[in-house]
């Protein structure tokens, strides 16, 4: 009986955690994921690649005046899916599966790029 209770308790802990794969949402949709940039991170996004579920929100945190965020596969060619140029946080909820590349509009040429994959 004591062993069964331990197994049940472990199962409940795992269920509460959602079996997360490190993207903050546990694979259930509706999760929030954070990408940091600038400051201590430098000219990079951390993490630079993120996999989320349809319905999840990604929040970027950094200085958008210095590092304007634009979506699009090519430097200097935004695709208009999302962008932000001011403040210190920006959130976007991804409602369709796909691959969403983005970059810092100023530092894209030196590799300040990222991608969100939505499953």
PDB file of N, CA and C in Angstrom:
ATOM      1  N   UNK A   1       0.822  -1.187   0.000  1.00  0.00           N
ATOM      2  CA  UNK A   1       0.000   0.000   0.000  1.00  0.00           C
ATOM      3  C   UNK A   1       0.869   1.254   0.000  1.00  0.00           C
ATOM      4  N   UNK A   2       1.943   1.249   0.816  1.00  0.00           N
ATOM      5  CA  UNK A   2       2.825   2.398   0.893  1.00  0.00           C
ATOM      6  C   UNK A   2       3.499   2.652  -0.456  1.00  0.00           C
ATOM      7  N   UNK A   3       3.909   1.592  -1.157  1.00  0.00           N
ATOM      8  CA  UNK A   3       4.536   1.726  -2.473  1.00  0.00           C
ATOM      9  C   UNK A   3       3.546   2.290  -3.476  1.00  0.00           C
ATOM     10  N   UNK A   4       2.287   1.824  -3.445  1.00  0.00           N
ATOM     11  CA  UNK A   4       1.270   2.332  -4.353  1.00  0.00           C
ATOM     12  C   UNK A   4       1.026   3.822  -4.131  1.00  0.00           C
ATOM     13  N   UNK A   5       1.016   4.257  -2.885  1.00  0.00           N
ATOM     14  CA  UNK A   5       0.812   5.673  -2.586  1.00  0.00           C
ATOM     15  C   UNK A   5       1.966   6.503  -3.128  1.00  0.00           C
ATOM     16  N   UNK A   6       3.186   5.960  -3.039  1.00  0.00           N
ATOM     17  CA  UNK A   6       4.351   6.662  -3.578  1.00  0.00           C
ATOM     18  C   UNK A   6       4.272   6.797  -5.087  1.00  0.00           C
ATOM     19  N   UNK A   7       3.810   5.751  -5.756  1.00  0.00           N
ATOM     20  CA  UNK A   7       3.660   5.784  -7.208  1.00  0.00           C
ATOM     21  C   UNK A   7       2.585   6.790  -7.601  1.00  0.00           C
ATOM     22  N   UNK A   8       1.473   6.799  -6.880  1.00  0.00           N
ATOM     23  CA  UNK A   8       0.397   7.750  -7.156  1.00  0.00           C
ATOM     24  C   UNK A   8       0.888   9.171  -6.928  1.00  0.00           C
ATOM     25  N   UNK A   9       1.619   9.407  -5.855  1.00  0.00           N
ATOM     26  CA  UNK A   9       2.142  10.744  -5.570  1.00  0.00           C
ATOM     27  C   UNK A   9       3.093  11.190  -6.674  1.00  0.00           C
ATOM     28  N   UNK A  10       3.958  10.304  -7.140  1.00  0.00           N
ATOM     29  CA  UNK A  10       4.885  10.654  -8.222  1.00  0.00           C
ATOM     30  C   UNK A  10       4.127  10.963  -9.500  1.00  0.00           C
ATOM     31  N   UNK A  11       3.081  10.204  -9.789  1.00  0.00           N
ATOM     32  CA  UNK A  11       2.275  10.444 -10.986  1.00  0.00           C
ATOM     33  C   UNK A  11       1.587  11.803 -10.908  1.00  0.00           C
ATOM     34  N   UNK A  12       1.093  12.162  -9.724  1.00  0.00           N
ATOM     35  CA  UNK A  12       0.443  13.458  -9.559  1.00  0.00           C
ATOM     36  C   UNK A  12       1.423  14.604  -9.747  1.00  0.00           C
ATOM     37  N   UNK A  13       2.644  14.444  -9.244  1.00  0.00           N
ATOM     38  CA  UNK A  13       3.669  15.479  -9.420  1.00  0.00           C
ATOM     39  C   UNK A  13       3.988  15.643 -10.896  1.00  0.00           C
ATOM     40  N   UNK A  14       4.159  14.535 -11.619  1.00  0.00           N
ATOM     41  CA  UNK A  14       4.449  14.612 -13.051  1.00  0.00           C
ATOM     42  C   UNK A  14       3.291  15.232 -13.815  1.00  0.00           C
ATOM     43  N   UNK A  15       2.077  14.900 -13.455  1.00  0.00           N
ATOM     44  CA  UNK A  15       0.913  15.472 -14.134  1.00  0.00           C
ATOM     45  C   UNK A  15       0.830  16.972 -13.895  1.00  0.00           C
ATOM     46  N   UNK A  16       1.129  17.397 -12.682  1.00  0.00           N
ATOM     47  CA  UNK A  16       1.091  18.827 -12.364  1.00  0.00           C
ATOM     48  C   UNK A  16       2.148  19.590 -13.142  1.00  0.00           C
ATOM     49  N   UNK A  17       3.288  18.942 -13.396  1.00  0.00           N
ATOM     50  CA  UNK A  17       4.355  19.578 -14.164  1.00  0.00           C
ATOM     51  C   UNK A  17       4.058  19.560 -15.654  1.00  0.00           C
ATOM     52  N   UNK A  18       3.149  18.723 -16.077  1.00  0.00           N
ATOM     53  CA  UNK A  18       2.761  18.672 -17.470  1.00  0.00           C
ATOM     54  C   UNK A  18       3.749  17.956 -18.364  1.00  0.00           C
ATOM     55  N   UNK A  19       4.771  17.346 -17.797  1.00  0.00           N
ATOM     56  CA  UNK A  19       5.742  16.657 -18.623  1.00  0.00           C
ATOM     57  C   UNK A  19       6.501  17.616 -19.526  1.00  0.00           C
ATOM     58  N   UNK A  20       6.781  18.783 -19.053  1.00  0.00           N
ATOM     59  CA  UNK A  20       7.365  19.839 -19.866  1.00  0.00           C
ATOM     60  C   UNK A  20       8.661  19.424 -20.527  1.00  0.00           C
ATOM     61  N   UNK A  21       8.805  19.871 -21.782  1.00  0.00           N
ATOM     62  CA  UNK A  21      10.030  19.600 -22.527  1.00  0.00           C
ATOM     63  C   UNK A  21      10.956  20.794 -22.493  1.00  0.00           C
ATOM     64  N   UNK A  22      10.792  21.680 -21.535  1.00  0.00           N
ATOM     65  CA  UNK A  22      11.678  22.812 -21.395  1.00  0.00           C
ATOM     66  C   UNK A  22      11.176  24.062 -22.084  1.00  0.00           C
ATOM     67  N   UNK A  23       9.982  24.021 -22.694  1.00  0.00           N
ATOM     68  CA  UNK A  23       9.493  25.212 -23.351  1.00  0.00           C
ATOM     69  C   UNK A  23       8.459  25.954 -22.524  1.00  0.00           C
ATOM     70  N   UNK A  24       8.208  25.493 -21.323  1.00  0.00           N
ATOM     71  CA  UNK A  24       7.355  26.233 -20.406  1.00  0.00           C
ATOM     72  C   UNK A  24       5.882  25.961 -20.546  1.00  0.00           C
ATOM     73  N   UNK A  25       5.452  25.121 -21.499  1.00  0.00           N
ATOM     74  CA  UNK A  25       4.020  24.947 -21.657  1.00  0.00           C
ATOM     75  C   UNK A  25       3.552  23.525 -21.416  1.00  0.00           C
ATOM     76  N   UNK A  26       4.452  22.601 -21.287  1.00  0.00           N
ATOM     77  CA  UNK A  26       4.059  21.234 -21.001  1.00  0.00           C
ATOM     78  C   UNK A  26       3.328  20.564 -22.136  1.00  0.00           C
ATOM     79  N   UNK A  27       3.313  21.185 -23.310  1.00  0.00           N
ATOM     80  CA  UNK A  27       2.700  20.560 -24.464  1.00  0.00           C
ATOM     81  C   UNK A  27       1.189  20.617 -24.490  1.00  0.00           C
ATOM     82  N   UNK A  28       0.571  21.499 -23.723  1.00  0.00           N
ATOM     83  CA  UNK A  28      -0.885  21.534 -23.662  1.00  0.00           C
ATOM     84  C   UNK A  28      -1.487  22.720 -24.382  1.00  0.00           C
ATOM     85  N   UNK A  29      -0.704  23.629 -24.893  1.00  0.00           N
ATOM     86  CA  UNK A  29      -1.233  24.846 -25.507  1.00  0.00           C
ATOM     87  C   UNK A  29      -1.585  25.847 -24.430  1.00  0.00           C
ATOM     88  N   UNK A  30      -1.608  27.107 -24.775  1.00  0.00           N
ATOM     89  CA  UNK A  30      -1.946  28.140 -23.810  1.00  0.00           C
ATOM     90  C   UNK A  30      -0.809  28.491 -22.871  1.00  0.00           C
ATOM     91  N   UNK A  31       0.379  27.950 -23.081  1.00  0.00           N
ATOM     92  CA  UNK A  31       1.524  28.222 -22.218  1.00  0.00           C
ATOM     93  C   UNK A  31       2.191  29.538 -22.558  1.00  0.00           C
ATOM     94  N   UNK A  32       3.031  29.997 -21.663  1.00  0.00           N
ATOM     95  CA  UNK A  32       3.803  31.212 -21.895  1.00  0.00           C
ATOM     96  C   UNK A  32       5.282  30.860 -21.886  1.00  0.00           C
ATOM     97  N   UNK A  33       6.008  31.420 -22.828  1.00  0.00           N
ATOM     98  CA  UNK A  33       7.426  31.157 -22.996  1.00  0.00           C
ATOM     99  C   UNK A  33       8.152  32.479 -23.086  1.00  0.00           C
ATOM    100  N   UNK A  34       9.335  32.582 -22.482  1.00  0.00           N
ATOM    101  CA  UNK A  34      10.066  33.844 -22.427  1.00  0.00           C
ATOM    102  C   UNK A  34      11.366  33.734 -23.219  1.00  0.00           C
ATOM    103  N   UNK A  35      11.623  34.772 -24.036  1.00  0.00           N
ATOM    104  CA  UNK A  35      12.871  34.909 -24.773  1.00  0.00           C
ATOM    105  C   UNK A  35      13.509  36.212 -24.313  1.00  0.00           C
ATOM    106  N   UNK A  36      14.736  36.143 -23.818  1.00  0.00           N
ATOM    107  CA  UNK A  36      15.467  37.333 -23.378  1.00  0.00           C
ATOM    108  C   UNK A  36      16.463  37.746 -24.451  1.00  0.00           C
ATOM    109  N   UNK A  37      16.788  39.040 -24.477  1.00  0.00           N
ATOM    110  CA  UNK A  37      17.770  39.527 -25.435  1.00  0.00           C
ATOM    111  C   UNK A  37      18.390  40.815 -24.941  1.00  0.00           C
ATOM    112  N   UNK A  38      19.535  41.174 -25.559  1.00  0.00           N
ATOM    113  CA  UNK A  38      20.246  42.382 -25.172  1.00  0.00           C
ATOM    114  C   UNK A  38      20.802  42.256 -23.760  1.00  0.00           C
ATOM    115  N   UNK A  39      21.277  43.357 -23.190  1.00  0.00           N
ATOM    116  CA  UNK A  39      21.819  43.354 -21.834  1.00  0.00           C
ATOM    117  C   UNK A  39      22.866  42.279 -21.662  1.00  0.00           C
ATOM    118  N   UNK A  40      22.709  41.440 -20.632  1.00  0.00           N
ATOM    119  CA  UNK A  40      23.673  40.379 -20.342  1.00  0.00           C
ATOM    120  C   UNK A  40      23.703  39.315 -21.437  1.00  0.00           C
ATOM    121  N   UNK A  41      22.612  39.185 -22.204  1.00  0.00           N
ATOM    122  CA  UNK A  41      22.548  38.199 -23.281  1.00  0.00           C
ATOM    123  C   UNK A  41      23.351  38.677 -24.492  1.00  0.00           C
ATOM    124  N   UNK A  42      23.500  39.993 -24.645  1.00  0.00           N
ATOM    125  CA  UNK A  42      24.246  40.539 -25.774  1.00  0.00           C
ATOM    126  C   UNK A  42      23.420  40.578 -27.044  1.00  0.00           C
ATOM    127  N   UNK A  43      24.080  40.460 -28.169  1.00  0.00           N
ATOM    128  CA  UNK A  43      23.416  40.524 -29.466  1.00  0.00           C
ATOM    129  C   UNK A  43      22.886  39.148 -29.849  1.00  0.00           C
ATOM    130  N   UNK A  44      21.980  38.649 -29.018  1.00  0.00           N
ATOM    131  CA  UNK A  44      21.416  37.313 -29.228  1.00  0.00           C
ATOM    132  C   UNK A  44      20.052  37.232 -28.568  1.00  0.00           C
ATOM    133  N   UNK A  45      19.289  36.231 -28.971  1.00  0.00           N
ATOM    134  CA  UNK A  45      18.032  35.878 -28.314  1.00  0.00           C
ATOM    135  C   UNK A  45      18.284  34.595 -27.538  1.00  0.00           C
ATOM    136  N   UNK A  46      17.771  34.518 -26.321  1.00  0.00           N
ATOM    137  CA  UNK A  46      17.975  33.337 -25.493  1.00  0.00           C
ATOM    138  C   UNK A  46      16.647  32.869 -24.902  1.00  0.00           C
ATOM    139  N   UNK A  47      16.165  31.711 -25.351  1.00  0.00           N
ATOM    140  CA  UNK A  47      16.750  30.822 -26.346  1.00  0.00           C
ATOM    141  C   UNK A  47      16.526  31.367 -27.761  1.00  0.00           C
ATOM    142  N   UNK A  48      17.381  30.977 -28.683  1.00  0.00           N
ATOM    143  CA  UNK A  48      17.242  31.445 -30.061  1.00  0.00           C
ATOM    144  C   UNK A  48      16.261  30.582 -30.853  1.00  0.00           C
ATOM    145  N   UNK A  49      16.004  29.376 -30.402  1.00  0.00           N
ATOM    146  CA  UNK A  49      15.022  28.497 -31.040  1.00  0.00           C
ATOM    147  C   UNK A  49      14.079  27.989 -29.958  1.00  0.00           C
ATOM    148  N   UNK A  50      12.796  28.083 -30.236  1.00  0.00           N
ATOM    149  CA  UNK A  50      11.784  27.717 -29.259  1.00  0.00           C
ATOM    150  C   UNK A  50      10.686  26.945 -29.971  1.00  0.00           C
ATOM    151  N   UNK A  51      10.252  25.833 -29.387  1.00  0.00           N
ATOM    152  CA  UNK A  51       9.141  25.056 -29.932  1.00  0.00           C
ATOM    153  C   UNK A  51       7.978  25.161 -28.965  1.00  0.00           C
ATOM    154  N   UNK A  52       6.823  25.570 -29.495  1.00  0.00           N
ATOM    155  CA  UNK A  52       5.628  25.760 -28.683  1.00  0.00           C
ATOM    156  C   UNK A  52       4.445  25.090 -29.370  1.00  0.00           C
ATOM    157  N   UNK A  53       3.318  25.082 -28.695  1.00  0.00           N
ATOM    158  CA  UNK A  53       2.077  24.533 -29.235  1.00  0.00           C
ATOM    159  C   UNK A  53       1.185  25.667 -29.736  1.00  0.00           C
ATOM    160  N   UNK A  54       0.284  25.336 -30.652  1.00  0.00           N
ATOM    161  CA  UNK A  54      -0.709  26.302 -31.111  1.00  0.00           C
ATOM    162  C   UNK A  54      -1.457  26.841 -29.890  1.00  0.00           C
ATOM    163  N   UNK A  55      -1.603  28.151 -29.819  1.00  0.00           N
ATOM    164  CA  UNK A  55      -2.274  28.793 -28.684  1.00  0.00           C
ATOM    165  C   UNK A  55      -1.316  29.284 -27.621  1.00  0.00           C
ATOM    166  N   UNK A  56      -0.037  28.940 -27.724  1.00  0.00           N
ATOM    167  CA  UNK A  56       0.945  29.400 -26.746  1.00  0.00           C
ATOM    168  C   UNK A  56       1.342  30.846 -27.018  1.00  0.00           C
ATOM    169  N   UNK A  57       1.768  31.520 -25.966  1.00  0.00           N
ATOM    170  CA  UNK A  57       2.249  32.891 -26.047  1.00  0.00           C
ATOM    171  C   UNK A  57       3.745  32.908 -25.805  1.00  0.00           C
ATOM    172  N   UNK A  58       4.446  33.686 -26.621  1.00  0.00           N
ATOM    173  CA  UNK A  58       5.874  33.922 -26.420  1.00  0.00           C
ATOM    174  C   UNK A  58       6.029  35.381 -26.014  1.00  0.00           C
ATOM    175  N   UNK A  59       6.804  35.619 -24.961  1.00  0.00           N
ATOM    176  CA  UNK A  59       7.083  36.970 -24.495  1.00  0.00           C
ATOM    177  C   UNK A  59       8.570  37.239 -24.636  1.00  0.00           C
ATOM    178  N   UNK A  60       8.900  38.298 -25.364  1.00  0.00           N
ATOM    179  CA  UNK A  60      10.284  38.741 -25.518  1.00  0.00           C
ATOM    180  C   UNK A  60      10.537  39.821 -24.483  1.00  0.00           C
ATOM    181  N   UNK A  61      11.702  39.766 -23.822  1.00  0.00           N
ATOM    182  CA  UNK A  61      12.067  40.747 -22.808  1.00  0.00           C
ATOM    183  C   UNK A  61      13.429  41.327 -23.121  1.00  0.00           C
ATOM    184  N   UNK A  62      13.485  42.652 -23.252  1.00  0.00           N
ATOM    185  CA  UNK A  62      14.726  43.349 -23.545  1.00  0.00           C
ATOM    186  C   UNK A  62      14.415  44.790 -23.915  1.00  0.00           C
ATOM    187  N   UNK A  63      15.361  45.472 -24.517  1.00  0.00           N
ATOM    188  CA  UNK A  63      15.193  46.875 -24.903  1.00  0.00           C
ATOM    189  C   UNK A  63      14.866  46.939 -26.395  1.00  0.00           C
ATOM    190  N   UNK A  64      13.588  47.117 -26.695  1.00  0.00           N
ATOM    191  CA  UNK A  64      13.153  47.117 -28.096  1.00  0.00           C
ATOM    192  C   UNK A  64      13.587  48.370 -28.846  1.00  0.00           C
ATOM    193  N   UNK A  65      13.876  49.471 -28.142  1.00  0.00           N
ATOM    194  CA  UNK A  65      14.367  50.671 -28.821  1.00  0.00           C
ATOM    195  C   UNK A  65      15.747  50.410 -29.425  1.00  0.00           C
ATOM    196  N   UNK A  66      16.550  49.620 -28.734  1.00  0.00           N
ATOM    197  CA  UNK A  66      17.889  49.260 -29.214  1.00  0.00           C
ATOM    198  C   UNK A  66      17.849  48.054 -30.147  1.00  0.00           C
ATOM    199  N   UNK A  67      16.916  47.158 -29.903  1.00  0.00           N
ATOM    200  CA  UNK A  67      16.811  45.899 -30.655  1.00  0.00           C
ATOM    201  C   UNK A  67      15.378  45.712 -31.164  1.00  0.00           C
ATOM    202  N   UNK A  68      14.969  46.467 -32.202  1.00  0.00           N
ATOM    203  CA  UNK A  68      13.601  46.323 -32.705  1.00  0.00           C
ATOM    204  C   UNK A  68      13.349  44.913 -33.244  1.00  0.00           C
ATOM    205  N   UNK A  69      12.277  44.313 -32.779  1.00  0.00           N
ATOM    206  CA  UNK A  69      11.919  42.943 -33.126  1.00  0.00           C
ATOM    207  C   UNK A  69      11.058  42.936 -34.383  1.00  0.00           C
ATOM    208  N   UNK A  70      11.439  42.130 -35.374  1.00  0.00           N
ATOM    209  CA  UNK A  70      10.630  41.969 -36.581  1.00  0.00           C
ATOM    210  C   UNK A  70      10.588  40.500 -36.976  1.00  0.00           C
ATOM    211  N   UNK A  71       9.434  40.068 -37.456  1.00  0.00           N
ATOM    212  CA  UNK A  71       9.329  38.708 -37.973  1.00  0.00           C
ATOM    213  C   UNK A  71       9.693  38.709 -39.444  1.00  0.00           C
ATOM    214  N   UNK A  72      10.208  37.592 -39.896  1.00  0.00           N
ATOM    215  CA  UNK A  72      10.572  37.445 -41.303  1.00  0.00           C
ATOM    216  C   UNK A  72      11.831  36.632 -41.461  1.00  0.00           C
ATOM    217  N   UNK A  73      11.936  35.904 -42.578  1.00  0.00           N
ATOM    218  CA  UNK A  73      13.077  35.015 -42.779  1.00  0.00           C
ATOM    219  C   UNK A  73      14.360  35.708 -43.229  1.00  0.00           C
ATOM    220  N   UNK A  74      14.261  36.928 -43.708  1.00  0.00           N
ATOM    221  CA  UNK A  74      15.435  37.609 -44.258  1.00  0.00           C
ATOM    222  C   UNK A  74      15.670  38.944 -43.567  1.00  0.00           C
ATOM    223  N   UNK A  75      16.920  39.261 -43.295  1.00  0.00           N
ATOM    224  CA  UNK A  75      17.282  40.543 -42.693  1.00  0.00           C
ATOM    225  C   UNK A  75      16.750  41.687 -43.564  1.00  0.00           C
ATOM    226  N   UNK A  76      16.119  42.655 -42.926  1.00  0.00           N
ATOM    227  CA  UNK A  76      15.642  43.829 -43.639  1.00  0.00           C
ATOM    228  C   UNK A  76      14.384  43.617 -44.465  1.00  0.00           C
ATOM    229  N   UNK A  77      13.786  42.426 -44.368  1.00  0.00           N
ATOM    230  CA  UNK A  77      12.563  42.135 -45.107  1.00  0.00           C
ATOM    231  C   UNK A  77      11.505  41.553 -44.174  1.00  0.00           C
ATOM    232  N   UNK A  78      10.900  42.391 -43.321  1.00  0.00           N
ATOM    233  CA  UNK A  78       9.871  41.898 -42.398  1.00  0.00           C
ATOM    234  C   UNK A  78       8.678  41.306 -43.157  1.00  0.00           C
ATOM    235  N   UNK A  79       8.065  40.278 -42.581  1.00  0.00           N
ATOM    236  CA  UNK A  79       6.895  39.671 -43.213  1.00  0.00           C
ATOM    237  C   UNK A  79       5.585  40.178 -42.604  1.00  0.00           C
ATOM    238  N   UNK A  80       5.668  41.026 -41.562  1.00  0.00           N
ATOM    239  CA  UNK A  80       4.478  41.630 -40.980  1.00  0.00           C
ATOM    240  C   UNK A  80       3.676  40.758 -40.031  1.00  0.00           C
ATOM    241  N   UNK A  81       4.168  39.594 -39.676  1.00  0.00           N
ATOM    242  CA  UNK A  81       3.416  38.718 -38.777  1.00  0.00           C
ATOM    243  C   UNK A  81       3.434  39.213 -37.336  1.00  0.00           C
ATOM    244  N   UNK A  82       4.558  39.779 -36.893  1.00  0.00           N
ATOM    245  CA  UNK A  82       4.639  40.427 -35.581  1.00  0.00           C
ATOM    246  C   UNK A  82       5.865  41.319 -35.556  1.00  0.00           C
ATOM    247  N   UNK A  83       5.825  42.336 -34.706  1.00  0.00           N
ATOM    248  CA  UNK A  83       6.970  43.237 -34.534  1.00  0.00           C
ATOM    249  C   UNK A  83       6.746  44.108 -33.312  1.00  0.00           C
ATOM    250  N   UNK A  84       7.833  44.672 -32.813  1.00  0.00           N
ATOM    251  CA  UNK A  84       7.758  45.620 -31.707  1.00  0.00           C
ATOM    252  C   UNK A  84       9.022  46.471 -31.704  1.00  0.00           C
ATOM    253  N   UNK A  85       8.855  47.775 -31.444  1.00  0.00           N
ATOM    254  CA  UNK A  85       9.993  48.694 -31.478  1.00  0.00           C
ATOM    255  C   UNK A  85      10.122  49.547 -30.231  1.00  0.00           C
ATOM    256  N   UNK A  86       9.307  49.291 -29.201  1.00  0.00           N
ATOM    257  CA  UNK A  86       9.416  50.110 -27.994  1.00  0.00           C
ATOM    258  C   UNK A  86       9.080  49.288 -26.758  1.00  0.00           C
ATOM    259  N   UNK A  87       9.498  49.820 -25.601  1.00  0.00           N
ATOM    260  CA  UNK A  87       9.227  49.150 -24.339  1.00  0.00           C
ATOM    261  C   UNK A  87      10.239  48.069 -24.026  1.00  0.00           C
ATOM    262  N   UNK A  88       9.887  47.241 -23.029  1.00  0.00           N
ATOM    263  CA  UNK A  88      10.812  46.192 -22.598  1.00  0.00           C
ATOM    264  C   UNK A  88      10.196  44.800 -22.625  1.00  0.00           C
ATOM    265  N   UNK A  89       8.905  44.682 -22.904  1.00  0.00           N
ATOM    266  CA  UNK A  89       8.290  43.365 -23.077  1.00  0.00           C
ATOM    267  C   UNK A  89       7.309  43.420 -24.243  1.00  0.00           C
ATOM    268  N   UNK A  90       7.203  42.317 -24.929  1.00  0.00           N
ATOM    269  CA  UNK A  90       6.254  42.171 -26.030  1.00  0.00           C
ATOM    270  C   UNK A  90       5.826  40.720 -26.065  1.00  0.00           C
ATOM    271  N   UNK A  91       4.523  40.481 -26.201  1.00  0.00           N
ATOM    272  CA  UNK A  91       4.001  39.120 -26.255  1.00  0.00           C
ATOM    273  C   UNK A  91       3.219  38.902 -27.540  1.00  0.00           C
ATOM    274  N   UNK A  92       3.337  37.692 -28.062  1.00  0.00           N
ATOM    275  CA  UNK A  92       2.584  37.300 -29.256  1.00  0.00           C
ATOM    276  C   UNK A  92       2.065  35.888 -29.042  1.00  0.00           C
ATOM    277  N   UNK A  93       0.770  35.686 -29.309  1.00  0.00           N
ATOM    278  CA  UNK A  93       0.163  34.370 -29.215  1.00  0.00           C
ATOM    279  C   UNK A  93       0.110  33.762 -30.611  1.00  0.00           C
ATOM    280  N   UNK A  94       0.641  32.558 -30.746  1.00  0.00           N
ATOM    281  CA  UNK A  94       0.730  31.882 -32.023  1.00  0.00           C
ATOM    282  C   UNK A  94      -0.488  30.977 -32.199  1.00  0.00           C
ATOM    283  N   UNK A  95      -1.327  31.309 -33.173  1.00  0.00           N
ATOM    284  CA  UNK A  95      -2.591  30.604 -33.364  1.00  0.00           C
ATOM    285  C   UNK A  95      -2.573  29.611 -34.522  1.00  0.00           C
ATOM    286  N   UNK A  96      -1.445  29.505 -35.214  1.00  0.00           N
ATOM    287  CA  UNK A  96      -1.345  28.554 -36.330  1.00  0.00           C
ATOM    288  C   UNK A  96       0.010  27.860 -36.303  1.00  0.00           C
ATOM    289  N   UNK A  97       0.005  26.583 -36.641  1.00  0.00           N
ATOM    290  CA  UNK A  97       1.257  25.832 -36.724  1.00  0.00           C
ATOM    291  C   UNK A  97       2.122  26.414 -37.835  1.00  0.00           C
ATOM    292  N   UNK A  98       3.424  26.325 -37.644  1.00  0.00           N
ATOM    293  CA  UNK A  98       4.351  26.811 -38.657  1.00  0.00           C
ATOM    294  C   UNK A  98       5.674  27.202 -38.048  1.00  0.00           C
ATOM    295  N   UNK A  99       6.548  27.734 -38.876  1.00  0.00           N
ATOM    296  CA  UNK A  99       7.858  28.209 -38.455  1.00  0.00           C
ATOM    297  C   UNK A  99       7.877  29.716 -38.608  1.00  0.00           C
ATOM    298  N   UNK A 100       8.246  30.417 -37.531  1.00  0.00           N
ATOM    299  CA  UNK A 100       8.201  31.872 -37.479  1.00  0.00           C
ATOM    300  C   UNK A 100       9.593  32.429 -37.167  1.00  0.00           C
ATOM    301  N   UNK A 101      10.391  32.703 -38.194  1.00  0.00           N
ATOM    302  CA  UNK A 101      11.699  33.320 -37.950  1.00  0.00           C
ATOM    303  C   UNK A 101      11.530  34.794 -37.596  1.00  0.00           C
ATOM    304  N   UNK A 102      12.470  35.309 -36.808  1.00  0.00           N
ATOM    305  CA  UNK A 102      12.447  36.719 -36.427  1.00  0.00           C
ATOM    306  C   UNK A 102      13.870  37.182 -36.191  1.00  0.00           C
ATOM    307  N   UNK A 103      14.031  38.494 -36.055  1.00  0.00           N
ATOM    308  CA  UNK A 103      15.366  39.039 -35.827  1.00  0.00           C
ATOM    309  C   UNK A 103      15.275  40.420 -35.204  1.00  0.00           C
ATOM    310  N   UNK A 104      16.432  40.906 -34.784  1.00  0.00           N
ATOM    311  CA  UNK A 104      16.589  42.305 -34.416  1.00  0.00           C
ATOM    312  C   UNK A 104      16.817  43.038 -35.735  1.00  0.00           C
ATOM    313  N   UNK A 105      15.994  44.010 -36.028  1.00  0.00           N
ATOM    314  CA  UNK A 105      16.083  44.720 -37.299  1.00  0.00           C
ATOM    315  C   UNK A 105      17.420  45.447 -37.463  1.00  0.00           C
ATOM    316  N   UNK A 106      18.072  45.804 -36.362  1.00  0.00           N
ATOM    317  CA  UNK A 106      19.350  46.524 -36.408  1.00  0.00           C
ATOM    318  C   UNK A 106      20.535  45.565 -36.473  1.00  0.00           C
ATOM    319  N   UNK A 107      20.461  44.448 -35.738  1.00  0.00           N
ATOM    320  CA  UNK A 107      21.613  43.549 -35.595  1.00  0.00           C
ATOM    321  C   UNK A 107      21.444  42.207 -36.298  1.00  0.00           C
ATOM    322  N   UNK A 108      20.501  42.104 -37.188  1.00  0.00           N
ATOM    323  CA  UNK A 108      20.274  40.847 -37.911  1.00  0.00           C
ATOM    324  C   UNK A 108      21.519  40.419 -38.671  1.00  0.00           C
ATOM    325  N   UNK A 109      22.205  41.371 -39.285  1.00  0.00           N
ATOM    326  CA  UNK A 109      23.395  41.072 -40.080  1.00  0.00           C
ATOM    327  C   UNK A 109      24.535  40.457 -39.294  1.00  0.00           C
ATOM    328  N   UNK A 110      24.536  40.653 -37.963  1.00  0.00           N
ATOM    329  CA  UNK A 110      25.583  40.047 -37.133  1.00  0.00           C
ATOM    330  C   UNK A 110      25.056  38.817 -36.392  1.00  0.00           C
ATOM    331  N   UNK A 111      23.881  38.335 -36.836  1.00  0.00           N
ATOM    332  CA  UNK A 111      23.384  37.069 -36.309  1.00  0.00           C
ATOM    333  C   UNK A 111      22.350  37.129 -35.210  1.00  0.00           C
ATOM    334  N   UNK A 112      21.790  38.297 -34.927  1.00  0.00           N
ATOM    335  CA  UNK A 112      20.774  38.377 -33.870  1.00  0.00           C
ATOM    336  C   UNK A 112      19.431  37.954 -34.454  1.00  0.00           C
ATOM    337  N   UNK A 113      19.251  36.617 -34.483  1.00  0.00           N
ATOM    338  CA  UNK A 113      18.084  36.002 -35.096  1.00  0.00           C
ATOM    339  C   UNK A 113      17.528  34.918 -34.177  1.00  0.00           C
ATOM    340  N   UNK A 114      16.276  34.579 -34.383  1.00  0.00           N
ATOM    341  CA  UNK A 114      15.657  33.497 -33.645  1.00  0.00           C
ATOM    342  C   UNK A 114      14.547  32.882 -34.464  1.00  0.00           C
ATOM    343  N   UNK A 115      13.966  31.809 -33.939  1.00  0.00           N
ATOM    344  CA  UNK A 115      12.852  31.155 -34.618  1.00  0.00           C
ATOM    345  C   UNK A 115      11.936  30.510 -33.583  1.00  0.00           C
ATOM    346  N   UNK A 116      10.648  30.655 -33.819  1.00  0.00           N
ATOM    347  CA  UNK A 116       9.633  29.970 -33.030  1.00  0.00           C
ATOM    348  C   UNK A 116       8.989  28.945 -33.945  1.00  0.00           C
ATOM    349  N   UNK A 117       8.999  27.685 -33.519  1.00  0.00           N
ATOM    350  CA  UNK A 117       8.331  26.625 -34.249  1.00  0.00           C
ATOM    351  C   UNK A 117       7.057  26.287 -33.486  1.00  0.00           C
ATOM    352  N   UNK A 118       5.938  26.369 -34.174  1.00  0.00           N
ATOM    353  CA  UNK A 118       4.641  26.111 -33.548  1.00  0.00           C
ATOM    354  C   UNK A 118       4.097  24.791 -34.091  1.00  0.00           C
ATOM    355  N   UNK A 119       3.800  23.878 -33.172  1.00  0.00           N
ATOM    356  CA  UNK A 119       3.301  22.549 -33.558  1.00  0.00           C
ATOM    357  C   UNK A 119       1.843  22.391 -33.194  1.00  0.00           C
TER     358      UNK A 119
END
